[in-house]
Amino acid sequence: MPAHRHTRALRHRDRWPAALCVLVAGLTHVPLIPDHLEEAPYVGALFIALAVVALGLAAALVLHDSSLVWALVVAVMGAAVIAFPVSRTIGLPQMPDDVGNWFGEAMGLPAITAETLAAAIGTTVLVRPRRHRPAVAAPRRLG
């Protein structure tokens, strides 16, 4: 049975840099988990989830970068990119200290940079039309 087009590995050349960005995005949140579990447990739990999902997505990109994996990268990293300015502008429950604190966390800039790059690479891979090349050239017809 042929592989579904959304689950077939693309083997895109950008899977390695994207995987690195996703991994960095996840790892930058790990040192913040203990403090956030104390201050706002739901945010600490979300950071744990992000770190675990990022590790899985980075591995999936390297091993089997299907359209589905790329879409998940865009969704997860995009959500993380959106969460950062939300936490700094309107704020999150139990975290009023973060409002206006754009550069207070040492891991903030590396995290948002890695998340943005991963989402941008993923979006580019998904929207750029792929050129279909025949596996074997068709025989030329004479006459």
Protein backbone atom coordinates (compact mmCIF):
# COMPACT_ATOMS: atom_id res chain seq x y z
CA MET A 1 0.00 0.00 0.00
CA PRO A 2 1.50 3.39 -0.95
CA ALA A 3 2.42 5.85 1.77
CA HIS A 4 -0.07 8.66 2.30
CA ARG A 5 1.26 11.96 0.98
CA HIS A 6 1.14 13.57 4.46
CA THR A 7 3.10 10.79 6.14
CA ARG A 8 5.71 10.15 3.46
CA ALA A 9 9.21 11.37 4.45
CA LEU A 10 10.24 14.44 2.46
CA ARG A 11 13.94 14.26 3.31
CA HIS A 12 14.02 18.03 2.99
CA ARG A 13 17.45 19.62 3.24
CA ASP A 14 16.20 22.04 5.93
CA ARG A 15 15.21 19.27 8.35
CA TRP A 16 18.58 19.44 10.15
CA PRO A 17 18.61 23.19 10.92
CA ALA A 18 14.91 23.04 11.81
CA ALA A 19 15.52 20.10 14.15
CA LEU A 20 18.34 22.04 15.84
CA CYS A 21 16.06 25.08 16.30
CA VAL A 22 13.26 22.93 17.73
CA LEU A 23 15.70 21.25 20.11
CA VAL A 24 17.12 24.59 21.27
CA ALA A 25 13.58 25.94 21.74
CA GLY A 26 12.69 23.01 23.98
CA LEU A 27 15.93 23.00 25.95
CA THR A 28 15.81 26.73 26.72
CA HIS A 29 12.66 26.12 28.76
CA VAL A 30 14.11 23.32 30.92
CA PRO A 31 15.99 25.59 33.38
CA LEU A 32 12.80 27.62 33.89
CA ILE A 33 10.62 24.68 34.88
CA PRO A 34 11.28 24.56 38.67
CA ASP A 35 10.55 28.27 39.24
CA HIS A 36 7.45 28.18 37.06
CA LEU A 37 6.10 25.05 38.73
CA GLU A 38 6.25 27.01 42.00
CA GLU A 39 4.95 30.36 40.72
CA ALA A 40 2.37 29.18 38.15
CA PRO A 41 2.19 25.37 38.02
CA TYR A 42 0.27 25.32 34.73
CA VAL A 43 3.11 27.24 33.03
CA GLY A 44 5.68 24.85 34.49
CA ALA A 45 3.63 21.94 33.14
CA LEU A 46 3.43 23.62 29.73
CA PHE A 47 7.22 24.09 29.75
CA ILE A 48 7.66 20.38 30.53
CA ALA A 49 5.28 19.51 27.70
CA LEU A 50 7.08 21.87 25.31
CA ALA A 51 10.48 20.35 26.16
CA VAL A 52 9.22 16.79 25.67
CA VAL A 53 7.30 17.57 22.47
CA ALA A 54 10.25 19.53 21.08
CA LEU A 55 12.56 16.59 21.67
CA GLY A 56 10.12 14.30 19.86
CA LEU A 57 9.63 16.74 16.97
CA ALA A 58 13.38 17.23 16.53
CA ALA A 59 13.85 13.47 16.32
CA ALA A 60 10.88 13.13 13.95
CA LEU A 61 12.29 15.82 11.65
CA VAL A 62 15.60 14.01 11.39
CA LEU A 63 14.18 10.50 11.07
CA HIS A 64 10.95 11.03 9.10
CA ASP A 65 10.16 14.61 8.10
CA SER A 66 6.68 14.18 6.68
CA SER A 67 4.29 17.04 5.94
CA LEU A 68 2.47 16.10 9.14
CA VAL A 69 5.67 16.50 11.20
CA TRP A 70 6.41 19.85 9.56
CA ALA A 71 2.85 21.02 10.29
CA LEU A 72 3.26 20.03 13.96
CA VAL A 73 6.55 21.95 14.11
CA VAL A 74 4.83 25.06 12.74
CA ALA A 75 1.89 24.67 15.15
CA VAL A 76 3.93 24.01 18.32
CA MET A 77 6.66 26.55 17.64
CA GLY A 78 4.09 29.08 16.43
CA ALA A 79 2.12 28.68 19.65
CA ALA A 80 5.30 29.25 21.67
CA VAL A 81 6.10 32.37 19.63
CA ILE A 82 2.61 33.75 20.30
CA ALA A 83 2.70 32.88 24.01
CA PHE A 84 5.79 35.01 24.66
CA PRO A 85 4.34 38.43 23.67
CA VAL A 86 1.01 37.50 25.27
CA SER A 87 2.80 36.86 28.58
CA ARG A 88 4.64 40.19 28.27
CA THR A 89 1.67 42.36 27.24
CA ILE A 90 -1.69 41.24 28.64
CA GLY A 91 -0.06 38.75 30.98
CA LEU A 92 -0.91 35.25 32.13
CA PRO A 93 -2.76 34.26 35.31
CA GLN A 94 -0.46 33.92 38.35
CA MET A 95 2.38 35.65 36.47
CA PRO A 96 1.89 39.43 36.72
CA ASP A 97 5.67 40.00 37.06
CA ASP A 98 6.21 39.04 33.40
CA VAL A 99 4.15 41.93 31.99
CA GLY A 100 6.61 44.37 30.45
CA ASN A 101 9.59 42.16 31.36
CA TRP A 102 10.79 41.57 27.79
CA PHE A 103 14.43 40.85 28.60
CA GLY A 104 14.29 39.62 32.21
CA GLU A 105 14.81 35.93 31.39
CA ALA A 106 18.23 35.01 30.04
CA MET A 107 16.69 32.23 27.93
CA GLY A 108 13.97 34.43 26.44
CA LEU A 109 15.89 35.68 23.40
CA PRO A 110 17.40 32.29 22.44
CA ALA A 111 13.98 30.65 22.90
CA ILE A 112 11.99 33.12 20.81
CA THR A 113 14.70 33.15 18.13
CA ALA A 114 14.80 29.35 17.85
CA GLU A 115 10.99 29.09 17.90
CA THR A 116 10.59 31.75 15.21
CA LEU A 117 13.25 30.18 12.98
CA ALA A 118 11.74 26.70 13.33
CA ALA A 119 8.24 27.97 12.53
CA ALA A 120 9.54 29.98 9.56
CA ILE A 121 11.50 27.05 8.14
CA GLY A 122 8.51 24.76 8.58
CA THR A 123 6.15 27.21 6.93
CA THR A 124 8.53 27.59 4.00
CA VAL A 125 8.80 23.81 3.57
CA LEU A 126 5.02 23.42 3.65
CA VAL A 127 4.10 26.24 1.27
CA ARG A 128 6.94 26.04 -1.23
CA PRO A 129 5.77 24.00 -4.20
CA ARG A 130 7.73 20.80 -4.60
CA ARG A 131 8.97 19.90 -8.02
CA HIS A 132 7.96 16.42 -9.01
CA ARG A 133 10.60 14.61 -10.94
CA PRO A 134 9.84 11.31 -12.55
CA ALA A 135 11.89 8.47 -11.08
CA VAL A 136 12.69 7.19 -14.56
CA ALA A 137 12.53 9.20 -17.73
CA ALA A 138 9.72 8.15 -20.02
CA PRO A 139 10.88 6.55 -23.28
CA ARG A 140 10.82 8.85 -26.26
CA ARG A 141 8.26 8.09 -28.93
CA LEU A 142 9.46 7.99 -32.45
CA GLY A 143 7.38 9.15 -35.32
